[in-house]
């Protein structure tokens, strides 16, 4: 059980199995078997993540809905199950424009090129930043392959062919990414469902957390989270959030994973192999992850999309608002590029 974050940006992670989240007076309380485990002033909470068998009272649920506090439900191992959703935003005009833009093939292709270009550029930058500090690691060939893929983007005339370029570049990137780990844990390639090694487990877990935050932001503004442009339509897939996360995957979650492993914050003994569910973090290690994740997300950084330093969460908000302007006013979308 842990309350992570500052007063301005607090995340309540509920992981104690069999506990109950309640609302009493001006506090949220977490109880188990008659004992109060945690009390949190209501004004300190901005989002709640509930993992596994944690109950929530009707009063607490009503408070979270009325307050617009992001609330997500995940399995004990971090698989996203769903969200507590307040009444849908009244911004129907935004959704109409979103639908219209989905039917505009020229817009879909142009915007998708911007997304893929940013993702590949950030992959290249991450590798090159690492190679400057560790010249003994050979990454030049990988950099060249990614640059070749970048050059091909402008010539693609369909989303499928563009996704082919993205897939090729991602394979090259993740092979190189495995060379960046300096500890005993090894990474030989991206595996999603289920993750068969600790690095893949951390990547999937981090991507899930960020995707959930982007789903919440898009819904709050009135977007339909299931209509994306690069990822297109698929039953139950939050395609818009998956579009928006692409420019942030490598700069945030991949770097954060490197930080956790290379600094030995998480080690091999912090994981367990759950067979069909894959390799997963142990309970105490998961709490360590949450604490480090909140610290990481609260860092202020310089970026190409703001004149002042912002946290990553603030950059998420900037990008979702910018995309709203792109949809409604036909303005150009400016992706986030990791600095060299």
C-alpha atoms as a PDB file:
ATOM      1  CA  UNK A   1       0.000   0.000   0.000  1.00  0.00           C
ATOM      2  CA  UNK A   2       1.510   3.352  -0.925  1.00  0.00           C
ATOM      3  CA  UNK A   3       0.520   6.944  -1.576  1.00  0.00           C
ATOM      4  CA  UNK A   4       2.943   8.236  -4.174  1.00  0.00           C
ATOM      5  CA  UNK A   5       3.416  11.770  -5.433  1.00  0.00           C
ATOM      6  CA  UNK A   6       3.178  15.296  -4.136  1.00  0.00           C
ATOM      7  CA  UNK A   7       0.100  17.187  -2.973  1.00  0.00           C
ATOM      8  CA  UNK A   8      -0.217  18.617  -6.470  1.00  0.00           C
ATOM      9  CA  UNK A   9       0.037  15.293  -8.249  1.00  0.00           C
ATOM     10  CA  UNK A  10      -0.856  12.372  -5.975  1.00  0.00           C
ATOM     11  CA  UNK A  11      -1.445   8.792  -7.077  1.00  0.00           C
ATOM     12  CA  UNK A  12      -2.992   6.274  -4.715  1.00  0.00           C
ATOM     13  CA  UNK A  13      -1.886   2.730  -5.518  1.00  0.00           C
ATOM     14  CA  UNK A  14      -4.027   0.102  -3.765  1.00  0.00           C
ATOM     15  CA  UNK A  15      -2.342  -3.295  -3.691  1.00  0.00           C
ATOM     16  CA  UNK A  16      -3.238  -4.775  -0.288  1.00  0.00           C
ATOM     17  CA  UNK A  17      -5.396  -7.779  -1.151  1.00  0.00           C
ATOM     18  CA  UNK A  18      -8.683  -7.971   0.764  1.00  0.00           C
ATOM     19  CA  UNK A  19      -8.655  -4.287   1.731  1.00  0.00           C
ATOM     20  CA  UNK A  20     -11.528  -1.813   1.249  1.00  0.00           C
ATOM     21  CA  UNK A  21     -11.410   1.797   0.069  1.00  0.00           C
ATOM     22  CA  UNK A  22     -13.960   3.940   1.927  1.00  0.00           C
ATOM     23  CA  UNK A  23     -14.970   7.607   2.081  1.00  0.00           C
ATOM     24  CA  UNK A  24     -15.315   9.116   5.559  1.00  0.00           C
ATOM     25  CA  UNK A  25     -15.839  12.826   6.169  1.00  0.00           C
ATOM     26  CA  UNK A  26     -13.091  14.573   4.176  1.00  0.00           C
ATOM     27  CA  UNK A  27     -10.803  11.556   3.894  1.00  0.00           C
ATOM     28  CA  UNK A  28     -10.343   8.411   1.907  1.00  0.00           C
ATOM     29  CA  UNK A  29      -9.475   5.476   4.132  1.00  0.00           C
ATOM     30  CA  UNK A  30      -8.161   2.014   3.365  1.00  0.00           C
ATOM     31  CA  UNK A  31      -9.234  -0.664   5.818  1.00  0.00           C
ATOM     32  CA  UNK A  32      -8.661  -4.373   6.255  1.00  0.00           C
ATOM     33  CA  UNK A  33     -10.242  -6.629   8.873  1.00  0.00           C
ATOM     34  CA  UNK A  34     -11.349  -3.652  10.954  1.00  0.00           C
ATOM     35  CA  UNK A  35      -7.933  -1.950  10.921  1.00  0.00           C
ATOM     36  CA  UNK A  36      -7.299   1.375   9.167  1.00  0.00           C
ATOM     37  CA  UNK A  37      -4.202   0.929   7.025  1.00  0.00           C
ATOM     38  CA  UNK A  38      -4.134   4.358   5.430  1.00  0.00           C
ATOM     39  CA  UNK A  39      -5.922   7.702   5.645  1.00  0.00           C
ATOM     40  CA  UNK A  40      -5.588  10.256   2.874  1.00  0.00           C
ATOM     41  CA  UNK A  41      -7.089  13.775   2.788  1.00  0.00           C
ATOM     42  CA  UNK A  42      -9.372  13.857  -0.246  1.00  0.00           C
ATOM     43  CA  UNK A  43      -7.677  16.908  -1.773  1.00  0.00           C
ATOM     44  CA  UNK A  44      -4.383  15.031  -2.053  1.00  0.00           C
ATOM     45  CA  UNK A  45      -5.636  12.409  -4.505  1.00  0.00           C
ATOM     46  CA  UNK A  46      -5.628  12.929  -8.263  1.00  0.00           C
ATOM     47  CA  UNK A  47      -5.772   9.328  -9.456  1.00  0.00           C
ATOM     48  CA  UNK A  48      -6.408   5.886  -7.986  1.00  0.00           C
ATOM     49  CA  UNK A  49      -5.096   2.563  -9.314  1.00  0.00           C
ATOM     50  CA  UNK A  50      -6.692  -0.544  -7.836  1.00  0.00           C
ATOM     51  CA  UNK A  51      -4.824  -3.843  -8.211  1.00  0.00           C
ATOM     52  CA  UNK A  52      -6.457  -7.236  -7.739  1.00  0.00           C
ATOM     53  CA  UNK A  53      -8.875  -8.045  -4.903  1.00  0.00           C
ATOM     54  CA  UNK A  54      -9.416  -4.578  -3.433  1.00  0.00           C
ATOM     55  CA  UNK A  55     -12.985  -3.508  -2.696  1.00  0.00           C
ATOM     56  CA  UNK A  56     -14.450  -0.019  -2.974  1.00  0.00           C
ATOM     57  CA  UNK A  57     -17.495   1.269  -1.092  1.00  0.00           C
ATOM     58  CA  UNK A  58     -20.449   2.945  -2.808  1.00  0.00           C
ATOM     59  CA  UNK A  59     -19.664   6.218  -1.011  1.00  0.00           C
ATOM     60  CA  UNK A  60     -16.045   6.142  -2.166  1.00  0.00           C
ATOM     61  CA  UNK A  61     -17.117   5.319  -5.712  1.00  0.00           C
ATOM     62  CA  UNK A  62     -19.582   8.232  -5.755  1.00  0.00           C
ATOM     63  CA  UNK A  63     -16.895  10.594  -4.439  1.00  0.00           C
ATOM     64  CA  UNK A  64     -14.377   9.504  -7.075  1.00  0.00           C
ATOM     65  CA  UNK A  65     -16.951   9.939  -9.845  1.00  0.00           C
ATOM     66  CA  UNK A  66     -18.199  13.316  -8.589  1.00  0.00           C
ATOM     67  CA  UNK A  67     -14.634  14.588  -8.157  1.00  0.00           C
ATOM     68  CA  UNK A  68     -13.461  13.403 -11.577  1.00  0.00           C
ATOM     69  CA  UNK A  69     -10.630  11.422  -9.983  1.00  0.00           C
ATOM     70  CA  UNK A  70      -9.130   8.972 -12.453  1.00  0.00           C
ATOM     71  CA  UNK A  71      -9.767   5.437 -11.192  1.00  0.00           C
ATOM     72  CA  UNK A  72      -8.504   2.329 -12.961  1.00  0.00           C
ATOM     73  CA  UNK A  73      -8.836  -1.358 -12.146  1.00  0.00           C
ATOM     74  CA  UNK A  74      -5.974  -3.749 -12.933  1.00  0.00           C
ATOM     75  CA  UNK A  75      -5.168  -7.341 -12.130  1.00  0.00           C
ATOM     76  CA  UNK A  76      -2.707  -7.910  -9.305  1.00  0.00           C
ATOM     77  CA  UNK A  77      -0.018  -8.240 -11.983  1.00  0.00           C
ATOM     78  CA  UNK A  78      -0.913  -5.040 -13.823  1.00  0.00           C
ATOM     79  CA  UNK A  79      -3.223  -6.176 -16.618  1.00  0.00           C
ATOM     80  CA  UNK A  80      -5.676  -3.374 -17.328  1.00  0.00           C
ATOM     81  CA  UNK A  81      -9.300  -4.348 -16.662  1.00  0.00           C
ATOM     82  CA  UNK A  82     -11.242  -1.126 -16.921  1.00  0.00           C
ATOM     83  CA  UNK A  83     -11.944   2.327 -15.552  1.00  0.00           C
ATOM     84  CA  UNK A  84     -14.449   4.001 -13.295  1.00  0.00           C
ATOM     85  CA  UNK A  85     -15.972   6.382 -15.823  1.00  0.00           C
ATOM     86  CA  UNK A  86     -18.048   9.469 -14.964  1.00  0.00           C
ATOM     87  CA  UNK A  87     -20.712  10.777 -17.321  1.00  0.00           C
ATOM     88  CA  UNK A  88     -19.202  11.146 -20.777  1.00  0.00           C
ATOM     89  CA  UNK A  89     -17.919  14.594 -21.729  1.00  0.00           C
ATOM     90  CA  UNK A  90     -20.523  16.816 -23.344  1.00  0.00           C
ATOM     91  CA  UNK A  91     -18.080  17.816 -26.099  1.00  0.00           C
ATOM     92  CA  UNK A  92     -19.979  16.056 -28.883  1.00  0.00           C
ATOM     93  CA  UNK A  93     -18.576  18.506 -31.436  1.00  0.00           C
ATOM     94  CA  UNK A  94     -15.063  17.234 -30.780  1.00  0.00           C
ATOM     95  CA  UNK A  95     -16.180  13.636 -31.312  1.00  0.00           C
ATOM     96  CA  UNK A  96     -17.913  14.561 -34.575  1.00  0.00           C
ATOM     97  CA  UNK A  97     -14.697  16.167 -35.830  1.00  0.00           C
ATOM     98  CA  UNK A  98     -12.756  13.114 -34.646  1.00  0.00           C
ATOM     99  CA  UNK A  99     -15.042  10.829 -36.676  1.00  0.00           C
ATOM    100  CA  UNK A 100     -14.775  13.084 -39.736  1.00  0.00           C
ATOM    101  CA  UNK A 101     -10.984  13.077 -39.540  1.00  0.00           C
ATOM    102  CA  UNK A 102     -10.937   9.301 -39.319  1.00  0.00           C
ATOM    103  CA  UNK A 103     -12.743   9.185 -42.672  1.00  0.00           C
ATOM    104  CA  UNK A 104     -10.205  11.627 -44.172  1.00  0.00           C
ATOM    105  CA  UNK A 105      -7.549   9.277 -45.558  1.00  0.00           C
ATOM    106  CA  UNK A 106      -5.123  12.090 -46.341  1.00  0.00           C
ATOM    107  CA  UNK A 107      -5.262  13.321 -42.744  1.00  0.00           C
ATOM    108  CA  UNK A 108      -4.903   9.812 -41.329  1.00  0.00           C
ATOM    109  CA  UNK A 109      -1.807   9.132 -43.395  1.00  0.00           C
ATOM    110  CA  UNK A 110      -0.161  12.505 -42.732  1.00  0.00           C
ATOM    111  CA  UNK A 111      -0.792  12.338 -38.993  1.00  0.00           C
ATOM    112  CA  UNK A 112       0.357   8.721 -38.809  1.00  0.00           C
ATOM    113  CA  UNK A 113       3.610   9.689 -40.528  1.00  0.00           C
ATOM    114  CA  UNK A 114       4.193  12.327 -37.844  1.00  0.00           C
ATOM    115  CA  UNK A 115       3.617   9.729 -35.121  1.00  0.00           C
ATOM    116  CA  UNK A 116       5.935   7.120 -36.635  1.00  0.00           C
ATOM    117  CA  UNK A 117       8.607   9.699 -37.431  1.00  0.00           C
ATOM    118  CA  UNK A 118       8.643  10.848 -33.803  1.00  0.00           C
ATOM    119  CA  UNK A 119       8.783   7.290 -32.483  1.00  0.00           C
ATOM    120  CA  UNK A 120      11.696   6.312 -34.722  1.00  0.00           C
ATOM    121  CA  UNK A 121      13.552   9.550 -34.116  1.00  0.00           C
ATOM    122  CA  UNK A 122      13.248   9.049 -30.358  1.00  0.00           C
ATOM    123  CA  UNK A 123      14.455   5.457 -30.687  1.00  0.00           C
ATOM    124  CA  UNK A 124      17.517   6.658 -32.570  1.00  0.00           C
ATOM    125  CA  UNK A 125      18.190   9.431 -30.052  1.00  0.00           C
ATOM    126  CA  UNK A 126      17.984   7.092 -27.075  1.00  0.00           C
ATOM    127  CA  UNK A 127      20.528   4.728 -28.618  1.00  0.00           C
ATOM    128  CA  UNK A 128      22.904   7.523 -29.546  1.00  0.00           C
ATOM    129  CA  UNK A 129      22.706   9.167 -26.125  1.00  0.00           C
ATOM    130  CA  UNK A 130      23.640   5.853 -24.567  1.00  0.00           C
ATOM    131  CA  UNK A 131      26.512   5.276 -26.997  1.00  0.00           C
ATOM    132  CA  UNK A 132      28.083   8.630 -26.070  1.00  0.00           C
ATOM    133  CA  UNK A 133      28.393   7.458 -22.465  1.00  0.00           C
ATOM    134  CA  UNK A 134      29.320   3.886 -23.398  1.00  0.00           C
ATOM    135  CA  UNK A 135      31.366   3.982 -26.608  1.00  0.00           C
ATOM    136  CA  UNK A 136      32.324   0.346 -26.096  1.00  0.00           C
ATOM    137  CA  UNK A 137      28.784  -0.679 -27.130  1.00  0.00           C
ATOM    138  CA  UNK A 138      28.447  -0.903 -30.913  1.00  0.00           C
ATOM    139  CA  UNK A 139      25.220   0.822 -31.934  1.00  0.00           C
ATOM    140  CA  UNK A 140      26.220   2.518 -35.183  1.00  0.00           C
ATOM    141  CA  UNK A 141      24.667  -0.114 -37.460  1.00  0.00           C
ATOM    142  CA  UNK A 142      21.395   0.037 -35.594  1.00  0.00           C
ATOM    143  CA  UNK A 143      21.379   3.811 -35.872  1.00  0.00           C
ATOM    144  CA  UNK A 144      21.922   3.577 -39.648  1.00  0.00           C
ATOM    145  CA  UNK A 145      19.094   1.064 -40.078  1.00  0.00           C
ATOM    146  CA  UNK A 146      16.689   3.298 -38.161  1.00  0.00           C
ATOM    147  CA  UNK A 147      17.754   6.301 -40.243  1.00  0.00           C
ATOM    148  CA  UNK A 148      17.044   4.317 -43.402  1.00  0.00           C
ATOM    149  CA  UNK A 149      13.562   3.606 -42.083  1.00  0.00           C
ATOM    150  CA  UNK A 150      13.087   7.289 -41.297  1.00  0.00           C
ATOM    151  CA  UNK A 151      13.969   8.139 -44.897  1.00  0.00           C
ATOM    152  CA  UNK A 152      11.273   5.755 -46.149  1.00  0.00           C
ATOM    153  CA  UNK A 153       8.415   7.346 -44.217  1.00  0.00           C
ATOM    154  CA  UNK A 154       7.701  10.184 -46.661  1.00  0.00           C
ATOM    155  CA  UNK A 155       7.385   7.753 -49.564  1.00  0.00           C
ATOM    156  CA  UNK A 156       4.720   5.549 -47.990  1.00  0.00           C
ATOM    157  CA  UNK A 157       1.193   5.946 -49.343  1.00  0.00           C
ATOM    158  CA  UNK A 158      -0.789   3.649 -47.041  1.00  0.00           C
ATOM    159  CA  UNK A 159      -1.072   3.099 -43.294  1.00  0.00           C
ATOM    160  CA  UNK A 160      -0.193  -0.584 -43.727  1.00  0.00           C
ATOM    161  CA  UNK A 161       3.054   0.172 -45.543  1.00  0.00           C
ATOM    162  CA  UNK A 162       3.891   2.780 -42.919  1.00  0.00           C
ATOM    163  CA  UNK A 163       3.306   0.228 -40.172  1.00  0.00           C
ATOM    164  CA  UNK A 164       5.671  -2.088 -42.005  1.00  0.00           C
ATOM    165  CA  UNK A 165       8.437   0.514 -41.773  1.00  0.00           C
ATOM    166  CA  UNK A 166       7.656   1.053 -38.072  1.00  0.00           C
ATOM    167  CA  UNK A 167       7.797  -2.689 -37.435  1.00  0.00           C
ATOM    168  CA  UNK A 168      11.177  -3.060 -39.143  1.00  0.00           C
ATOM    169  CA  UNK A 169      12.664  -0.134 -37.220  1.00  0.00           C
ATOM    170  CA  UNK A 170      11.262  -1.408 -33.915  1.00  0.00           C
ATOM    171  CA  UNK A 171      12.881  -4.811 -34.437  1.00  0.00           C
ATOM    172  CA  UNK A 172      16.232  -3.133 -35.045  1.00  0.00           C
ATOM    173  CA  UNK A 173      15.779  -0.848 -32.059  1.00  0.00           C
ATOM    174  CA  UNK A 174      14.864  -3.564 -29.574  1.00  0.00           C
ATOM    175  CA  UNK A 175      17.808  -5.746 -30.641  1.00  0.00           C
ATOM    176  CA  UNK A 176      20.074  -2.781 -29.877  1.00  0.00           C
ATOM    177  CA  UNK A 177      18.135  -1.946 -26.712  1.00  0.00           C
ATOM    178  CA  UNK A 178      19.146  -5.303 -25.251  1.00  0.00           C
ATOM    179  CA  UNK A 179      22.790  -4.205 -25.387  1.00  0.00           C
ATOM    180  CA  UNK A 180      22.133  -1.293 -23.042  1.00  0.00           C
ATOM    181  CA  UNK A 181      21.628  -3.390 -19.904  1.00  0.00           C
ATOM    182  CA  UNK A 182      24.756  -3.628 -17.783  1.00  0.00           C
ATOM    183  CA  UNK A 183      23.534  -6.107 -15.173  1.00  0.00           C
ATOM    184  CA  UNK A 184      22.712  -9.812 -15.095  1.00  0.00           C
ATOM    185  CA  UNK A 185      19.263  -9.415 -16.618  1.00  0.00           C
ATOM    186  CA  UNK A 186      19.198  -9.888 -20.374  1.00  0.00           C
ATOM    187  CA  UNK A 187      16.789  -8.773 -23.072  1.00  0.00           C
ATOM    188  CA  UNK A 188      16.755 -10.420 -26.488  1.00  0.00           C
ATOM    189  CA  UNK A 189      13.641  -8.953 -28.086  1.00  0.00           C
ATOM    190  CA  UNK A 190      10.188  -7.590 -27.453  1.00  0.00           C
ATOM    191  CA  UNK A 191       7.563 -10.100 -26.281  1.00  0.00           C
ATOM    192  CA  UNK A 192       4.199  -8.777 -25.170  1.00  0.00           C
ATOM    193  CA  UNK A 193       1.655 -11.404 -24.126  1.00  0.00           C
ATOM    194  CA  UNK A 194       2.870 -12.899 -21.942  1.00  0.00           C
ATOM    195  CA  UNK A 195       6.228 -11.341 -21.056  1.00  0.00           C
ATOM    196  CA  UNK A 196       8.806 -14.119 -20.782  1.00  0.00           C
ATOM    197  CA  UNK A 197      11.595 -12.146 -19.088  1.00  0.00           C
ATOM    198  CA  UNK A 198      11.875  -9.330 -16.512  1.00  0.00           C
ATOM    199  CA  UNK A 199      12.695  -6.588 -19.033  1.00  0.00           C
ATOM    200  CA  UNK A 200       9.639  -7.327 -21.170  1.00  0.00           C
ATOM    201  CA  UNK A 201       7.571  -7.470 -17.994  1.00  0.00           C
ATOM    202  CA  UNK A 202       8.714  -3.970 -16.975  1.00  0.00           C
ATOM    203  CA  UNK A 203       8.160  -2.548 -20.449  1.00  0.00           C
ATOM    204  CA  UNK A 204       4.617  -3.920 -20.653  1.00  0.00           C
ATOM    205  CA  UNK A 205       3.790  -2.745 -17.141  1.00  0.00           C
ATOM    206  CA  UNK A 206       5.055   0.777 -17.846  1.00  0.00           C
ATOM    207  CA  UNK A 207       3.278   1.039 -21.186  1.00  0.00           C
ATOM    208  CA  UNK A 208       0.035  -0.027 -19.464  1.00  0.00           C
ATOM    209  CA  UNK A 209       0.346   2.708 -16.839  1.00  0.00           C
ATOM    210  CA  UNK A 210       1.021   5.454 -19.380  1.00  0.00           C
ATOM    211  CA  UNK A 211      -1.719   4.228 -21.734  1.00  0.00           C
ATOM    212  CA  UNK A 212      -4.194   4.346 -18.860  1.00  0.00           C
ATOM    213  CA  UNK A 213      -3.240   7.949 -18.129  1.00  0.00           C
ATOM    214  CA  UNK A 214      -3.713   8.892 -21.780  1.00  0.00           C
ATOM    215  CA  UNK A 215      -7.104   7.161 -21.932  1.00  0.00           C
ATOM    216  CA  UNK A 216      -8.207   9.244 -18.937  1.00  0.00           C
ATOM    217  CA  UNK A 217      -6.976  12.492 -20.482  1.00  0.00           C
ATOM    218  CA  UNK A 218      -8.609  11.866 -23.860  1.00  0.00           C
ATOM    219  CA  UNK A 219     -11.934  10.885 -22.284  1.00  0.00           C
ATOM    220  CA  UNK A 220     -11.914  13.938 -20.025  1.00  0.00           C
ATOM    221  CA  UNK A 221     -11.682  16.244 -23.060  1.00  0.00           C
ATOM    222  CA  UNK A 222     -14.420  14.425 -24.938  1.00  0.00           C
ATOM    223  CA  UNK A 223     -12.505  12.223 -27.373  1.00  0.00           C
ATOM    224  CA  UNK A 224     -13.655   8.743 -28.269  1.00  0.00           C
ATOM    225  CA  UNK A 225     -10.618   6.745 -27.031  1.00  0.00           C
ATOM    226  CA  UNK A 226     -11.333   3.870 -29.446  1.00  0.00           C
ATOM    227  CA  UNK A 227     -10.846   5.879 -32.638  1.00  0.00           C
ATOM    228  CA  UNK A 228      -7.183   6.242 -33.551  1.00  0.00           C
ATOM    229  CA  UNK A 229      -5.484   7.109 -36.817  1.00  0.00           C
ATOM    230  CA  UNK A 230      -2.292   5.071 -36.952  1.00  0.00           C
ATOM    231  CA  UNK A 231      -3.726   2.098 -35.053  1.00  0.00           C
ATOM    232  CA  UNK A 232      -7.163   2.299 -36.630  1.00  0.00           C
ATOM    233  CA  UNK A 233     -10.225   0.442 -35.371  1.00  0.00           C
ATOM    234  CA  UNK A 234     -10.261  -2.834 -33.481  1.00  0.00           C
ATOM    235  CA  UNK A 235     -12.893  -4.011 -31.032  1.00  0.00           C
ATOM    236  CA  UNK A 236     -11.976  -3.000 -27.480  1.00  0.00           C
ATOM    237  CA  UNK A 237      -8.649  -1.387 -28.376  1.00  0.00           C
ATOM    238  CA  UNK A 238      -8.039   2.210 -27.141  1.00  0.00           C
ATOM    239  CA  UNK A 239      -6.456   3.203 -30.440  1.00  0.00           C
ATOM    240  CA  UNK A 240      -6.268   6.944 -29.792  1.00  0.00           C
ATOM    241  CA  UNK A 241      -4.282   6.446 -26.577  1.00  0.00           C
ATOM    242  CA  UNK A 242      -2.014   4.006 -28.431  1.00  0.00           C
ATOM    243  CA  UNK A 243      -1.407   6.675 -31.080  1.00  0.00           C
ATOM    244  CA  UNK A 244      -0.520   9.235 -28.420  1.00  0.00           C
ATOM    245  CA  UNK A 245       1.814   6.969 -26.455  1.00  0.00           C
ATOM    246  CA  UNK A 246       4.079   6.233 -29.435  1.00  0.00           C
ATOM    247  CA  UNK A 247       6.171   9.400 -29.116  1.00  0.00           C
ATOM    248  CA  UNK A 248       6.661   8.719 -25.378  1.00  0.00           C
ATOM    249  CA  UNK A 249       7.423   4.972 -25.272  1.00  0.00           C
ATOM    250  CA  UNK A 250      11.192   5.141 -25.706  1.00  0.00           C
ATOM    251  CA  UNK A 251      11.918   8.456 -23.926  1.00  0.00           C
ATOM    252  CA  UNK A 252       9.899   7.546 -20.832  1.00  0.00           C
ATOM    253  CA  UNK A 253       9.264   3.852 -20.202  1.00  0.00           C
ATOM    254  CA  UNK A 254      12.303   2.418 -21.990  1.00  0.00           C
ATOM    255  CA  UNK A 255      14.651   4.857 -20.244  1.00  0.00           C
ATOM    256  CA  UNK A 256      12.911   4.261 -16.923  1.00  0.00           C
ATOM    257  CA  UNK A 257      13.360   0.507 -17.336  1.00  0.00           C
ATOM    258  CA  UNK A 258      17.063   0.989 -18.054  1.00  0.00           C
ATOM    259  CA  UNK A 259      17.345   3.143 -14.946  1.00  0.00           C
ATOM    260  CA  UNK A 260      15.704   0.532 -12.709  1.00  0.00           C
ATOM    261  CA  UNK A 261      17.878  -2.334 -13.930  1.00  0.00           C
ATOM    262  CA  UNK A 262      21.219  -0.628 -14.458  1.00  0.00           C
ATOM    263  CA  UNK A 263      21.022   0.999 -11.017  1.00  0.00           C
ATOM    264  CA  UNK A 264      19.997  -2.335  -9.460  1.00  0.00           C
ATOM    265  CA  UNK A 265      16.805  -0.886  -8.017  1.00  0.00           C
ATOM    266  CA  UNK A 266      15.134  -4.025  -9.332  1.00  0.00           C
ATOM    267  CA  UNK A 267      17.008  -7.335  -9.618  1.00  0.00           C
ATOM    268  CA  UNK A 268      16.351 -10.833 -10.886  1.00  0.00           C
ATOM    269  CA  UNK A 269      15.019 -11.984  -7.505  1.00  0.00           C
ATOM    270  CA  UNK A 270      12.265  -9.326  -7.688  1.00  0.00           C
ATOM    271  CA  UNK A 271      10.442 -11.315 -10.377  1.00  0.00           C
ATOM    272  CA  UNK A 272       8.595 -14.619 -10.523  1.00  0.00           C
ATOM    273  CA  UNK A 273       7.614 -16.826 -13.431  1.00  0.00           C
ATOM    274  CA  UNK A 274       3.848 -17.387 -13.345  1.00  0.00           C
ATOM    275  CA  UNK A 275       3.814 -19.800 -16.313  1.00  0.00           C
ATOM    276  CA  UNK A 276       0.890 -18.814 -18.552  1.00  0.00           C
ATOM    277  CA  UNK A 277       0.803 -15.297 -17.097  1.00  0.00           C
ATOM    278  CA  UNK A 278       4.490 -14.777 -17.787  1.00  0.00           C
ATOM    279  CA  UNK A 279       7.244 -13.206 -15.680  1.00  0.00           C
ATOM    280  CA  UNK A 280       5.860 -10.710 -13.159  1.00  0.00           C
ATOM    281  CA  UNK A 281       7.010  -8.425 -10.367  1.00  0.00           C
ATOM    282  CA  UNK A 282       6.707  -9.648  -6.796  1.00  0.00           C
ATOM    283  CA  UNK A 283       4.512  -7.638  -4.399  1.00  0.00           C
ATOM    284  CA  UNK A 284       7.252  -5.656  -2.630  1.00  0.00           C
ATOM    285  CA  UNK A 285       9.067  -5.011  -5.903  1.00  0.00           C
ATOM    286  CA  UNK A 286       5.830  -3.698  -7.397  1.00  0.00           C
ATOM    287  CA  UNK A 287       5.587  -1.131  -4.604  1.00  0.00           C
ATOM    288  CA  UNK A 288       9.196  -0.101  -5.250  1.00  0.00           C
ATOM    289  CA  UNK A 289       8.285   0.291  -8.914  1.00  0.00           C
ATOM    290  CA  UNK A 290       5.356   2.590  -8.104  1.00  0.00           C
ATOM    291  CA  UNK A 291       7.476   4.810  -5.872  1.00  0.00           C
ATOM    292  CA  UNK A 292      10.206   5.140  -8.507  1.00  0.00           C
ATOM    293  CA  UNK A 293       7.649   5.652 -11.281  1.00  0.00           C
ATOM    294  CA  UNK A 294       6.059   8.583  -9.447  1.00  0.00           C
ATOM    295  CA  UNK A 295       9.449  10.191  -8.848  1.00  0.00           C
ATOM    296  CA  UNK A 296      10.324   9.737 -12.505  1.00  0.00           C
ATOM    297  CA  UNK A 297       7.038  11.162 -13.757  1.00  0.00           C
ATOM    298  CA  UNK A 298       7.420  14.192 -11.470  1.00  0.00           C
ATOM    299  CA  UNK A 299      10.793  15.209 -12.921  1.00  0.00           C
ATOM    300  CA  UNK A 300      10.734  18.498 -14.814  1.00  0.00           C
ATOM    301  CA  UNK A 301      12.451  18.397 -18.200  1.00  0.00           C
ATOM    302  CA  UNK A 302      13.025  20.708 -21.128  1.00  0.00           C
ATOM    303  CA  UNK A 303      11.217  19.794 -24.326  1.00  0.00           C
ATOM    304  CA  UNK A 304      10.533  20.920 -27.862  1.00  0.00           C
ATOM    305  CA  UNK A 305       6.825  21.419 -27.118  1.00  0.00           C
ATOM    306  CA  UNK A 306       7.077  23.870 -24.222  1.00  0.00           C
ATOM    307  CA  UNK A 307       9.067  27.021 -23.480  1.00  0.00           C
ATOM    308  CA  UNK A 308       9.318  26.033 -19.814  1.00  0.00           C
ATOM    309  CA  UNK A 309      10.281  22.841 -18.032  1.00  0.00           C
ATOM    310  CA  UNK A 310       7.408  20.396 -17.596  1.00  0.00           C
ATOM    311  CA  UNK A 311       6.852  17.022 -15.980  1.00  0.00           C
ATOM    312  CA  UNK A 312       6.009  14.114 -18.249  1.00  0.00           C
ATOM    313  CA  UNK A 313       2.405  14.224 -17.062  1.00  0.00           C
ATOM    314  CA  UNK A 314       2.215  17.886 -18.006  1.00  0.00           C
ATOM    315  CA  UNK A 315       3.596  16.988 -21.435  1.00  0.00           C
ATOM    316  CA  UNK A 316       0.844  14.375 -21.804  1.00  0.00           C
ATOM    317  CA  UNK A 317      -1.762  17.068 -21.163  1.00  0.00           C
ATOM    318  CA  UNK A 318      -0.107  19.452 -23.597  1.00  0.00           C
ATOM    319  CA  UNK A 319      -0.129  16.824 -26.339  1.00  0.00           C
ATOM    320  CA  UNK A 320      -3.745  15.789 -25.807  1.00  0.00           C
ATOM    321  CA  UNK A 321      -4.837  19.447 -25.930  1.00  0.00           C
ATOM    322  CA  UNK A 322      -2.647  20.032 -28.968  1.00  0.00           C
ATOM    323  CA  UNK A 323      -4.254  17.084 -30.725  1.00  0.00           C
ATOM    324  CA  UNK A 324      -7.678  18.489 -29.894  1.00  0.00           C
ATOM    325  CA  UNK A 325      -6.630  21.699 -31.650  1.00  0.00           C
ATOM    326  CA  UNK A 326      -5.329  19.642 -34.591  1.00  0.00           C
ATOM    327  CA  UNK A 327      -8.700  17.891 -34.924  1.00  0.00           C
ATOM    328  CA  UNK A 328     -10.863  20.956 -34.516  1.00  0.00           C
ATOM    329  CA  UNK A 329      -8.807  23.637 -36.278  1.00  0.00           C
ATOM    330  CA  UNK A 330      -6.667  21.713 -38.776  1.00  0.00           C
ATOM    331  CA  UNK A 331      -3.463  22.880 -37.082  1.00  0.00           C
ATOM    332  CA  UNK A 332      -0.255  20.896 -37.476  1.00  0.00           C
ATOM    333  CA  UNK A 333       0.499  18.400 -34.723  1.00  0.00           C
ATOM    334  CA  UNK A 334       3.977  18.771 -33.220  1.00  0.00           C
ATOM    335  CA  UNK A 335       5.183  15.527 -31.608  1.00  0.00           C
ATOM    336  CA  UNK A 336       7.511  15.316 -28.625  1.00  0.00           C
ATOM    337  CA  UNK A 337      11.118  14.726 -29.640  1.00  0.00           C
ATOM    338  CA  UNK A 338      13.680  13.557 -27.126  1.00  0.00           C
ATOM    339  CA  UNK A 339      16.588  16.032 -27.002  1.00  0.00           C
ATOM    340  CA  UNK A 340      19.960  14.965 -28.361  1.00  0.00           C
END
